[in-house]
């Protein structure tokens, strides 16, 4: 017996117990409302999605071809439409997640207006967006099920038993739009207590995976900008522990922590690490510092020195009171950061790189996997990379290494449209197409995400409409570029009243008031122009 049928029978039994005062209650309507509200709390969502991610991680360990993917979203509606589209085109949400980008929260969701990605936005905006995303995904469930329930009723009315059975099967096997969200907590928004409190709010809103980075919280920079400052490992481990305690307190024992290192692009540290003996974690962190060997006579006023191997070493300190790492140590620091994080409670890694290069990523992950064989990466397929130029230059370098003639190409100008149909450009595009598959096989990437793609798609689609609508195309720019495509490509938003819940509300009104319900979806509703008969090429105008 299905959950749907069990609910009908349970409510029928309860109705009999209560008696005639519940005569107006329809048990099947209750079962439908329960199906449309499967997840009652954010913690239920966090547990459900944590189980999904853990299963996916295990499956990736067994077969690297089953990696996972997500797109960054900055509004509940955007996340909802993404998942509706995935279900429509790919028939399942399996291995597809959502990513919540701190960059997009700062740029698009702060009460201050657009802000740089420097943890300047209200930290409460992050759990608020998690909650908003799941509100919209739950509404997508309710809407899709409502369409199935309406179809079921219509089939019953006309006595179409085959359709009734087919739709009932879809209801019984309905796949929710609820998927895991990997949520960006930046550098923790303060001390470990602040990190713990914010993590709790994020988990309570439904987040099963929290991504945290090893930058200084009050000096945080976007991973693809300069000026990044890291913290000693012990400081970062305290924040990993804070997030784990938040998960455990709330009962999400398999919650996921994604540990991000920005060391590849970070040349500075805020403070020296505490070290008690040679070779300990603090000593390893300090060993990457750019130092000058000095004698006691060289000591100046206020100098900070460290002693190693019997020598006095003065770290190079900037006017900002930050200390400088030696050039060329970034990859080694990333490896140490990654190993240390996994050994101290993190579940997945994130190494922020300056370019999408499989060889570079694999070299670091191979070192990590010598210590942690099942280490897995979450990788940012970032819009901050010029993918076209990067891969064309990689293709150019490969041809050069093979001894091929590259005189027809200017390496510095490979972005030019003049190269679009060349062998080099086509080869580069193929490498871009297979980048996720290849890097998951070669570099241990479990999850591929694009941090802020929908920021760019919103701008691009708005530009497409504006340049025609406000020029000589007028309404044709909207009709041809938007509405006609929505109709022909089956985009749900063409019936925006339905998308916002109008039909769902009509059905609820009928549950509550029966024949007395005042419904919006009558004959004069212009949304009827988008029903199937109205769209048929054989339909005739009415007279």
Protein backbone atom coordinates (compact mmCIF):
# COMPACT_ATOMS: atom_id res chain seq x y z
CA UNK A 1 0.00 0.00 0.00
CA UNK A 2 1.34 3.43 -0.93
CA UNK A 3 1.79 6.34 1.46
CA UNK A 4 -0.98 8.14 -0.42
CA UNK A 5 -3.45 5.28 0.11
CA UNK A 6 -2.40 4.83 3.74
CA UNK A 7 -3.11 8.51 4.40
CA UNK A 8 -6.56 8.24 2.83
CA UNK A 9 -7.44 5.24 5.00
CA UNK A 10 -5.97 6.81 8.16
CA UNK A 11 -7.98 10.00 7.73
CA UNK A 12 -11.10 8.00 6.90
CA UNK A 13 -10.68 6.07 10.17
CA UNK A 14 -10.07 9.29 12.12
CA UNK A 15 -13.13 10.85 10.50
CA UNK A 16 -15.26 7.95 11.66
CA UNK A 17 -13.98 8.38 15.21
CA UNK A 18 -14.76 12.11 15.31
CA UNK A 19 -18.24 11.74 13.88
CA UNK A 20 -20.59 13.92 11.88
CA UNK A 21 -18.85 17.23 12.62
CA UNK A 22 -16.18 16.17 10.12
CA UNK A 23 -18.62 15.24 7.35
CA UNK A 24 -17.20 17.98 5.10
CA UNK A 25 -13.65 16.61 5.35
CA UNK A 26 -12.57 14.59 2.31
CA UNK A 27 -9.86 12.08 3.30
CA UNK A 28 -8.36 12.07 -0.21
CA UNK A 29 -8.04 15.86 -0.13
CA UNK A 30 -6.12 15.55 3.15
CA UNK A 31 -3.88 12.87 1.62
CA UNK A 32 -3.19 15.21 -1.26
CA UNK A 33 -2.27 18.08 1.02
CA UNK A 34 0.04 15.80 2.99
CA UNK A 35 1.74 14.64 -0.19
CA UNK A 36 2.21 18.27 -1.19
CA UNK A 37 3.79 19.08 2.18
CA UNK A 38 6.11 16.12 2.62
CA UNK A 39 8.80 18.08 4.47
CA UNK A 40 7.53 19.85 7.58
CA UNK A 41 10.78 21.40 8.81
CA UNK A 42 14.18 22.46 7.57
CA UNK A 43 15.78 19.78 9.76
CA UNK A 44 13.81 17.10 7.92
CA UNK A 45 15.19 18.51 4.68
CA UNK A 46 18.75 18.64 6.06
CA UNK A 47 18.57 14.98 7.11
CA UNK A 48 16.99 13.84 3.83
CA UNK A 49 19.55 15.68 1.70
CA UNK A 50 22.52 14.67 3.89
CA UNK A 51 21.54 11.05 3.29
CA UNK A 52 21.50 11.75 -0.46
CA UNK A 53 24.96 13.33 -0.43
CA UNK A 54 26.44 10.51 1.64
CA UNK A 55 25.01 7.97 -0.79
CA UNK A 56 26.37 9.93 -3.75
CA UNK A 57 29.82 10.20 -2.13
CA UNK A 58 29.94 6.44 -1.68
CA UNK A 59 28.86 5.84 -5.27
CA UNK A 60 31.55 8.23 -6.53
CA UNK A 61 34.20 6.36 -4.53
CA UNK A 62 33.19 3.21 -6.40
CA UNK A 63 32.89 4.88 -9.83
CA UNK A 64 34.30 8.33 -10.62
CA UNK A 65 32.00 8.71 -13.62
CA UNK A 66 29.04 9.32 -11.30
CA UNK A 67 30.11 12.76 -10.13
CA UNK A 68 27.58 15.35 -9.03
CA UNK A 69 26.81 18.87 -10.29
CA UNK A 70 25.14 22.11 -9.28
CA UNK A 71 24.53 25.65 -10.41
CA UNK A 72 24.68 28.62 -8.06
CA UNK A 73 21.35 30.38 -7.47
CA UNK A 74 20.52 33.63 -5.72
CA UNK A 75 16.72 33.48 -5.40
CA UNK A 76 14.20 30.79 -4.58
CA UNK A 77 12.48 31.21 -7.93
CA UNK A 78 15.74 30.70 -9.84
CA UNK A 79 16.47 27.52 -7.88
CA UNK A 80 12.92 26.30 -8.42
CA UNK A 81 13.02 26.84 -12.18
CA UNK A 82 16.36 25.11 -12.38
CA UNK A 83 15.00 21.97 -10.71
CA UNK A 84 11.78 22.05 -12.78
CA UNK A 85 13.93 22.23 -15.90
CA UNK A 86 16.13 19.34 -14.75
CA UNK A 87 13.08 17.15 -14.12
CA UNK A 88 11.56 18.12 -17.47
CA UNK A 89 14.64 17.46 -19.59
CA UNK A 90 16.52 14.78 -17.66
CA UNK A 91 13.56 13.10 -15.92
CA UNK A 92 15.37 12.88 -12.56
CA UNK A 93 17.15 15.12 -10.07
CA UNK A 94 19.65 12.37 -9.23
CA UNK A 95 23.19 13.76 -8.69
CA UNK A 96 22.01 17.37 -9.23
CA UNK A 97 22.24 19.84 -6.36
CA UNK A 98 21.95 23.57 -5.71
CA UNK A 99 24.81 25.84 -4.71
CA UNK A 100 24.35 28.90 -2.53
CA UNK A 101 27.08 31.41 -3.35
CA UNK A 102 28.25 33.93 -0.77
CA UNK A 103 29.33 36.13 -3.67
CA UNK A 104 25.76 36.29 -4.98
CA UNK A 105 24.32 36.90 -1.51
CA UNK A 106 26.67 39.87 -1.19
CA UNK A 107 26.05 41.17 -4.70
CA UNK A 108 22.28 40.62 -4.87
CA UNK A 109 20.68 39.94 -1.49
CA UNK A 110 22.11 42.50 0.94
CA UNK A 111 20.03 45.34 2.37
CA UNK A 112 23.06 47.54 1.72
CA UNK A 113 22.74 46.94 -2.02
CA UNK A 114 25.47 45.39 -4.16
CA UNK A 115 28.55 44.58 -2.09
CA UNK A 116 31.92 43.01 -2.86
CA UNK A 117 32.50 39.41 -1.76
CA UNK A 118 34.16 40.36 1.53
CA UNK A 119 31.67 39.07 4.15
CA UNK A 120 30.23 42.56 4.47
CA UNK A 121 26.63 41.43 3.95
CA UNK A 122 24.25 40.48 6.75
CA UNK A 123 25.06 36.92 7.77
CA UNK A 124 21.35 36.32 8.40
CA UNK A 125 20.85 36.65 4.63
CA UNK A 126 22.52 33.26 4.15
CA UNK A 127 20.12 31.06 6.19
CA UNK A 128 17.27 33.23 4.90
CA UNK A 129 18.20 32.28 1.33
CA UNK A 130 18.47 28.57 2.26
CA UNK A 131 14.95 28.76 3.70
CA UNK A 132 13.69 30.68 0.66
CA UNK A 133 15.15 28.13 -1.76
CA UNK A 134 13.47 25.24 0.00
CA UNK A 135 10.18 27.15 0.21
CA UNK A 136 10.20 27.49 -3.57
CA UNK A 137 11.24 23.86 -4.10
CA UNK A 138 8.44 22.66 -1.82
CA UNK A 139 6.03 24.83 -3.79
CA UNK A 140 7.29 23.18 -6.99
CA UNK A 141 6.37 19.81 -5.45
CA UNK A 142 2.90 21.08 -4.50
CA UNK A 143 2.29 22.55 -7.95
CA UNK A 144 3.40 19.48 -9.90
CA UNK A 145 1.38 17.15 -7.68
CA UNK A 146 -1.63 19.47 -8.03
CA UNK A 147 -1.43 19.09 -11.81
CA UNK A 148 -1.36 15.31 -11.36
CA UNK A 149 -4.34 15.40 -8.99
CA UNK A 150 -6.30 17.53 -11.47
CA UNK A 151 -5.46 15.09 -14.24
CA UNK A 152 -6.52 12.19 -12.02
CA UNK A 153 -9.89 13.81 -11.31
CA UNK A 154 -10.47 14.55 -15.00
CA UNK A 155 -9.66 10.96 -15.96
CA UNK A 156 -12.01 9.65 -13.30
CA UNK A 157 -14.78 11.95 -14.54
CA UNK A 158 -14.61 10.55 -18.07
CA UNK A 159 -14.06 6.97 -16.87
CA UNK A 160 -10.59 6.60 -18.41
CA UNK A 161 -9.27 3.82 -16.19
CA UNK A 162 -5.93 3.47 -18.02
CA UNK A 163 -5.11 7.14 -17.50
CA UNK A 164 -6.28 6.93 -13.89
CA UNK A 165 -3.85 4.07 -13.28
CA UNK A 166 -0.99 5.83 -15.08
CA UNK A 167 -1.42 9.07 -13.15
CA UNK A 168 -1.82 7.25 -9.84
CA UNK A 169 1.52 5.54 -10.51
CA UNK A 170 3.14 8.94 -11.10
CA UNK A 171 1.71 10.19 -7.81
CA UNK A 172 2.88 7.12 -5.90
CA UNK A 173 6.41 7.41 -7.38
CA UNK A 174 6.68 11.19 -7.33
CA UNK A 175 10.26 12.50 -7.18
CA UNK A 176 10.62 15.60 -5.06
CA UNK A 177 12.34 18.79 -6.23
CA UNK A 178 14.13 18.89 -2.85
CA UNK A 179 17.86 18.33 -3.43
CA UNK A 180 21.00 19.03 -1.40
CA UNK A 181 22.24 22.59 -1.11
CA UNK A 182 25.93 23.26 -0.57
CA UNK A 183 25.82 26.54 1.33
CA UNK A 184 28.67 29.04 1.59
CA UNK A 185 29.39 30.28 5.12
CA UNK A 186 32.43 32.27 3.86
CA UNK A 187 35.15 32.31 6.56
CA UNK A 188 32.59 31.88 9.34
CA UNK A 189 31.57 35.50 9.92
CA UNK A 190 33.57 35.96 13.10
CA UNK A 191 34.99 33.75 15.84
CA UNK A 192 34.11 30.04 16.18
CA UNK A 193 31.07 30.85 18.33
CA UNK A 194 29.72 33.09 15.57
CA UNK A 195 30.40 30.33 13.07
CA UNK A 196 28.55 27.79 15.23
CA UNK A 197 25.51 30.04 15.66
CA UNK A 198 25.26 30.81 11.95
CA UNK A 199 25.80 27.15 11.01
CA UNK A 200 22.87 26.22 13.28
CA UNK A 201 20.61 28.68 11.49
CA UNK A 202 21.69 27.34 8.11
CA UNK A 203 21.08 23.74 9.13
CA UNK A 204 17.71 24.58 10.67
CA UNK A 205 16.79 26.15 7.33
CA UNK A 206 17.67 22.91 5.53
CA UNK A 207 21.38 23.05 4.63
CA UNK A 208 23.04 19.63 4.79
CA UNK A 209 26.43 20.77 3.47
CA UNK A 210 28.32 23.83 4.70
CA UNK A 211 31.38 25.17 2.91
CA UNK A 212 33.90 27.12 4.97
CA UNK A 213 37.21 28.69 3.90
CA UNK A 214 40.53 29.24 5.66
CA UNK A 215 40.71 32.99 5.19
CA UNK A 216 40.69 35.54 7.99
CA UNK A 217 37.04 36.35 8.61
CA UNK A 218 37.41 40.13 8.86
CA UNK A 219 39.81 40.29 5.89
CA UNK A 220 37.90 37.87 3.65
CA UNK A 221 38.23 38.35 -0.11
CA UNK A 222 36.67 36.65 -3.10
CA UNK A 223 38.68 33.56 -3.96
CA UNK A 224 39.48 35.00 -7.39
CA UNK A 225 40.76 38.35 -6.18
CA UNK A 226 44.03 39.46 -4.66
CA UNK A 227 44.74 40.29 -1.02
CA UNK A 228 43.66 36.99 0.54
CA UNK A 229 44.93 36.25 4.05
CA UNK A 230 44.87 32.77 5.58
CA UNK A 231 44.78 31.64 9.20
CA UNK A 232 46.89 28.98 10.96
CA UNK A 233 45.45 25.49 10.83
CA UNK A 234 44.46 25.37 14.50
CA UNK A 235 42.27 28.47 14.03
CA UNK A 236 40.55 26.88 11.04
CA UNK A 237 40.10 23.53 12.77
CA UNK A 238 38.23 25.32 15.56
CA UNK A 239 35.70 26.55 13.00
CA UNK A 240 35.38 23.10 11.42
CA UNK A 241 34.65 21.80 14.94
CA UNK A 242 32.09 24.58 15.44
CA UNK A 243 30.19 23.50 12.33
CA UNK A 244 30.35 19.83 13.36
CA UNK A 245 29.00 20.64 16.81
CA UNK A 246 26.12 22.52 15.16
CA UNK A 247 25.25 19.48 13.04
CA UNK A 248 25.47 17.12 16.01
CA UNK A 249 23.43 19.34 18.33
CA UNK A 250 20.62 19.43 15.77
CA UNK A 251 20.75 15.67 15.18
CA UNK A 252 22.16 15.75 11.63
CA UNK A 253 24.95 13.32 12.45
CA UNK A 254 25.99 12.82 8.82
CA UNK A 255 26.03 16.50 7.87
CA UNK A 256 28.75 17.44 5.38
CA UNK A 257 31.55 19.97 5.90
CA UNK A 258 33.34 21.25 2.80
CA UNK A 259 36.75 22.63 3.71
CA UNK A 260 37.99 25.26 1.27
CA UNK A 261 41.60 26.38 1.03
CA UNK A 262 42.46 29.68 -0.61
CA UNK A 263 46.19 29.17 -0.06
CA UNK A 264 47.01 28.93 -3.75
CA UNK A 265 46.22 32.59 -4.22
CA UNK A 266 46.86 33.78 -0.67
CA UNK A 267 50.33 35.17 -0.07
CA UNK A 268 49.71 36.47 3.44
CA UNK A 269 48.90 35.29 6.95
CA UNK A 270 47.47 37.35 9.76
CA UNK A 271 49.56 35.73 12.46
CA UNK A 272 52.20 33.15 13.13
CA UNK A 273 51.10 29.69 14.18
CA UNK A 274 51.77 28.41 17.68
CA UNK A 275 54.42 25.67 17.61
CA UNK A 276 55.64 23.51 20.49
CA UNK A 277 58.14 21.26 18.78
CA UNK A 278 59.88 20.95 15.42
CA UNK A 279 57.68 19.50 12.68
CA UNK A 280 54.34 20.02 14.41
CA UNK A 281 51.46 21.60 12.52
CA UNK A 282 52.29 25.13 13.61
CA UNK A 283 55.94 24.68 12.65
CA UNK A 284 54.90 23.39 9.22
CA UNK A 285 52.68 26.43 8.68
CA UNK A 286 55.46 28.81 9.73
CA UNK A 287 57.97 27.02 7.49
CA UNK A 288 56.30 28.57 4.45
CA UNK A 289 56.96 32.13 5.66
CA UNK A 290 59.29 34.41 3.77
CA UNK A 291 62.06 35.08 6.29
CA UNK A 292 65.49 36.66 6.67
CA UNK A 293 68.14 34.94 8.76
CA UNK A 294 69.45 37.41 11.35
CA UNK A 295 71.65 37.65 14.42
CA UNK A 296 70.76 39.20 17.76
CA UNK A 297 72.63 42.30 16.66
CA UNK A 298 70.23 42.68 13.70
CA UNK A 299 67.15 42.82 15.88
CA UNK A 300 65.16 46.01 15.50
CA UNK A 301 62.53 47.63 17.68
CA UNK A 302 59.36 45.52 17.75
CA UNK A 303 60.78 42.76 15.57
CA UNK A 304 59.11 39.36 15.67
CA UNK A 305 61.49 36.43 15.25
CA UNK A 306 61.18 32.66 15.20
CA UNK A 307 63.86 30.11 15.99
CA UNK A 308 64.34 27.08 13.78
CA UNK A 309 67.27 24.69 13.61
CA UNK A 310 69.25 26.94 15.89
CA UNK A 311 68.81 29.97 13.64
CA UNK A 312 66.99 33.23 14.26
CA UNK A 313 64.56 34.02 11.44
CA UNK A 314 62.68 37.29 10.99
CA UNK A 315 59.43 36.87 8.99
CA UNK A 316 58.80 39.60 6.45
CA UNK A 317 56.06 41.78 7.90
CA UNK A 318 54.11 44.32 5.87
CA UNK A 319 52.94 47.75 6.99
CA UNK A 320 49.49 46.14 7.45
CA UNK A 321 51.07 43.91 10.16
CA UNK A 322 50.50 40.87 7.97
CA UNK A 323 53.22 38.30 7.33
CA UNK A 324 54.27 37.18 3.88
CA UNK A 325 54.64 33.64 2.55
CA UNK A 326 57.43 32.66 0.19
CA UNK A 327 56.50 32.78 -3.47
CA UNK A 328 55.82 29.41 -5.03
CA UNK A 329 54.60 27.71 -1.85
CA UNK A 330 50.88 27.90 -2.65
CA UNK A 331 50.41 24.36 -3.93
CA UNK A 332 52.29 22.82 -1.00
CA UNK A 333 50.20 24.87 1.42
CA UNK A 334 46.99 23.73 -0.34
CA UNK A 335 48.05 20.10 0.07
CA UNK A 336 48.84 20.56 3.76
CA UNK A 337 45.59 22.48 4.33
CA UNK A 338 43.58 19.75 2.63
CA UNK A 339 45.15 16.85 4.48
CA UNK A 340 44.86 18.65 7.81
CA UNK A 341 41.18 19.48 7.24
CA UNK A 342 40.24 15.90 6.37
CA UNK A 343 42.17 14.63 9.39
CA UNK A 344 40.22 17.03 11.60
CA UNK A 345 36.59 16.53 10.67
CA UNK A 346 36.02 17.86 7.14
CA UNK A 347 34.33 15.58 4.62
CA UNK A 348 35.06 17.20 1.27
CA UNK A 349 37.74 19.56 -0.04
CA UNK A 350 37.60 22.70 -2.12
CA UNK A 351 40.82 24.05 -3.63
CA UNK A 352 40.30 27.46 -5.20
CA UNK A 353 42.52 27.69 -8.28
CA UNK A 354 43.38 30.52 -10.63
CA UNK A 355 42.61 28.54 -13.80
CA UNK A 356 40.74 25.38 -14.82
CA UNK A 357 43.67 23.05 -15.46
CA UNK A 358 43.25 19.33 -14.82
CA UNK A 359 46.97 18.71 -14.48
CA UNK A 360 47.37 21.32 -11.76
CA UNK A 361 44.35 20.09 -9.79
CA UNK A 362 45.36 16.43 -10.16
CA UNK A 363 48.92 17.11 -8.99
CA UNK A 364 47.66 18.53 -5.70
CA UNK A 365 44.99 15.87 -5.21
CA UNK A 366 47.48 13.07 -5.89
CA UNK A 367 49.57 14.39 -3.00
CA UNK A 368 46.52 14.60 -0.75
CA UNK A 369 45.43 11.08 -1.68
CA UNK A 370 48.78 9.67 -0.57
CA UNK A 371 47.56 10.43 2.96
CA UNK A 372 43.76 10.26 2.47
CA UNK A 373 43.04 7.77 -0.36
CA UNK A 374 39.34 8.64 -0.71
CA UNK A 375 39.81 12.43 -0.60
CA UNK A 376 37.25 14.17 -2.81
CA UNK A 377 36.97 17.66 -4.19
CA UNK A 378 34.18 20.12 -4.68
CA UNK A 379 35.43 22.24 -7.58
CA UNK A 380 34.41 25.71 -8.65
CA UNK A 381 34.00 25.84 -12.44
CA UNK A 382 34.16 29.56 -11.99
CA UNK A 383 32.85 32.32 -14.26
CA UNK A 384 35.91 34.22 -13.05
CA UNK A 385 37.94 32.07 -15.46
CA UNK A 386 38.01 33.04 -19.12
CA UNK A 387 37.28 29.48 -20.19
CA UNK A 388 37.61 30.15 -23.91
CA UNK A 389 41.03 31.80 -23.62
CA UNK A 390 42.34 29.34 -21.02
CA UNK A 391 41.48 26.25 -23.04
CA UNK A 392 42.59 27.71 -26.35
CA UNK A 393 45.94 28.54 -24.79
CA UNK A 394 46.14 25.02 -23.37
CA UNK A 395 45.37 23.65 -26.83
CA UNK A 396 48.02 25.96 -28.34
CA UNK A 397 50.63 24.79 -25.81
CA UNK A 398 49.78 21.14 -26.53
CA UNK A 399 50.23 21.64 -30.27
CA UNK A 400 53.52 23.42 -29.66
CA UNK A 401 54.73 20.59 -27.43
CA UNK A 402 53.88 18.12 -30.21
CA UNK A 403 56.04 20.09 -32.66
CA UNK A 404 53.02 21.23 -34.68
CA UNK A 405 53.04 24.44 -36.70
CA UNK A 406 51.25 27.12 -34.67
CA UNK A 407 52.26 30.12 -36.77
CA UNK A 408 48.63 30.73 -37.77
CA UNK A 409 47.76 31.58 -34.14
CA UNK A 410 48.58 34.51 -31.88
CA UNK A 411 48.58 33.00 -28.38
CA UNK A 412 47.77 36.32 -26.74
CA UNK A 413 44.72 36.90 -28.96
CA UNK A 414 43.16 33.44 -29.08
CA UNK A 415 39.88 34.80 -27.70
CA UNK A 416 39.23 36.40 -31.10
CA UNK A 417 36.17 35.30 -33.07
CA UNK A 418 38.51 34.83 -36.01
CA UNK A 419 39.67 31.56 -34.45
CA UNK A 420 36.20 30.16 -33.65
CA UNK A 421 36.12 27.56 -36.46
CA UNK A 422 39.79 26.57 -36.36
CA UNK A 423 41.04 23.14 -35.37
CA UNK A 424 42.57 24.63 -32.24
CA UNK A 425 39.31 26.28 -31.11
CA UNK A 426 37.20 23.21 -31.81
CA UNK A 427 39.67 21.06 -29.88
CA UNK A 428 39.53 23.53 -26.98
CA UNK A 429 35.72 23.47 -26.96
CA UNK A 430 35.75 19.69 -26.80
CA UNK A 431 38.10 19.86 -23.81
CA UNK A 432 35.71 22.31 -22.14
CA UNK A 433 32.78 19.98 -22.84
CA UNK A 434 34.53 17.02 -21.23
CA UNK A 435 36.30 18.96 -18.47
CA UNK A 436 33.98 17.79 -15.70
CA UNK A 437 34.05 14.15 -16.78
CA UNK A 438 37.81 14.12 -17.30
CA UNK A 439 38.72 15.97 -14.10
CA UNK A 440 36.42 13.77 -12.03
CA UNK A 441 38.27 10.75 -13.35
CA UNK A 442 41.77 12.22 -13.07
CA UNK A 443 41.63 14.72 -10.19
CA UNK A 444 39.16 13.35 -7.64
CA UNK A 445 36.42 15.91 -8.25
CA UNK A 446 33.19 14.58 -6.73
CA UNK A 447 31.12 17.72 -7.22
CA UNK A 448 31.28 20.30 -10.00
CA UNK A 449 29.56 23.62 -9.50
CA UNK A 450 29.39 26.97 -11.20
CA UNK A 451 29.26 29.56 -8.43
CA UNK A 452 27.31 32.36 -10.10
CA UNK A 453 25.98 31.32 -13.51
CA UNK A 454 22.44 32.59 -12.97
CA UNK A 455 23.81 36.05 -12.18
CA UNK A 456 25.17 36.08 -15.73
CA UNK A 457 22.16 34.43 -17.38
CA UNK A 458 19.80 36.96 -15.78
CA UNK A 459 21.92 39.81 -17.17
CA UNK A 460 22.20 38.23 -20.62
CA UNK A 461 18.50 37.45 -21.02
CA UNK A 462 17.55 40.93 -19.80
CA UNK A 463 19.96 42.46 -22.31
CA UNK A 464 18.43 40.38 -25.11
CA UNK A 465 14.94 41.65 -24.29
CA UNK A 466 15.89 45.27 -23.61
CA UNK A 467 17.86 45.83 -26.81
CA UNK A 468 14.85 44.91 -28.94
CA UNK A 469 11.92 46.07 -26.84
CA UNK A 470 13.18 49.60 -26.32
CA UNK A 471 14.30 49.87 -29.94
CA UNK A 472 12.26 49.12 -33.07
CA UNK A 473 11.03 45.61 -32.13
CA UNK A 474 8.60 46.69 -29.40
CA UNK A 475 6.37 43.83 -28.24
CA UNK A 476 7.79 41.49 -30.88
CA UNK A 477 11.02 41.38 -28.88
CA UNK A 478 9.08 39.91 -25.95
CA UNK A 479 6.71 37.73 -27.94
CA UNK A 480 9.32 36.21 -30.24
CA UNK A 481 12.22 36.12 -27.82
CA UNK A 482 10.34 35.04 -24.69
CA UNK A 483 6.68 34.02 -24.84
CA UNK A 484 6.72 32.11 -28.11
CA UNK A 485 9.76 30.18 -26.91
CA UNK A 486 8.11 29.47 -23.54
CA UNK A 487 5.06 28.03 -25.33
CA UNK A 488 6.98 25.93 -27.82
CA UNK A 489 9.64 24.72 -25.39
CA UNK A 490 7.20 23.91 -22.60
CA UNK A 491 8.53 26.39 -20.06
CA UNK A 492 6.23 26.28 -17.03
CA UNK A 493 6.32 30.03 -16.44
CA UNK A 494 4.27 30.78 -19.56
CA UNK A 495 1.29 30.09 -17.27
CA UNK A 496 2.63 32.36 -14.56
CA UNK A 497 -0.65 32.32 -12.58
CA UNK A 498 -0.36 28.57 -12.24
CA UNK A 499 3.32 28.88 -11.39
CA UNK A 500 2.54 31.26 -8.54
CA UNK A 501 -0.01 28.83 -7.07
CA UNK A 502 -3.34 30.15 -8.35
CA UNK A 503 -4.69 26.77 -9.48
CA UNK A 504 -3.41 25.15 -6.31
CA UNK A 505 -5.28 27.77 -4.32
CA UNK A 506 -8.46 27.15 -6.34
CA UNK A 507 -8.34 23.47 -5.44
CA UNK A 508 -7.87 24.32 -1.78
CA UNK A 509 -10.86 26.67 -1.95
CA UNK A 510 -12.92 23.79 -3.29
CA UNK A 511 -11.71 21.53 -0.46
CA UNK A 512 -12.72 24.16 2.08
CA UNK A 513 -15.95 25.55 0.61
CA UNK A 514 -17.15 22.99 -1.93
CA UNK A 515 -19.46 24.36 -4.63
CA UNK A 516 -19.47 27.76 -2.92
CA UNK A 517 -15.79 28.33 -3.68
CA UNK A 518 -15.02 31.50 -5.63
CA UNK A 519 -12.25 30.36 -7.98
CA UNK A 520 -9.88 32.35 -10.18
CA UNK A 521 -9.52 29.73 -12.90
CA UNK A 522 -12.85 30.21 -14.65
CA UNK A 523 -13.67 30.75 -18.32
CA UNK A 524 -12.55 34.39 -18.23
CA UNK A 525 -9.07 33.59 -16.97
CA UNK A 526 -6.68 34.61 -19.77
CA UNK A 527 -4.32 31.80 -18.76
CA UNK A 528 -6.74 29.52 -20.61
CA UNK A 529 -5.18 30.87 -23.82
CA UNK A 530 -2.18 28.70 -23.00
CA UNK A 531 -4.09 25.45 -22.51
CA UNK A 532 -3.39 22.68 -24.99
CA UNK A 533 -6.54 23.11 -27.15
CA UNK A 534 -5.80 26.81 -27.54
CA UNK A 535 -2.29 25.97 -28.70
CA UNK A 536 -3.37 23.33 -31.21
CA UNK A 537 -2.79 24.17 -34.87
CA UNK A 538 -6.22 22.69 -35.63
CA UNK A 539 -8.18 24.81 -33.17
CA UNK A 540 -10.68 27.27 -34.63
CA UNK A 541 -11.62 30.69 -33.29
CA UNK A 542 -14.94 30.76 -31.45
CA UNK A 543 -17.85 32.85 -32.75
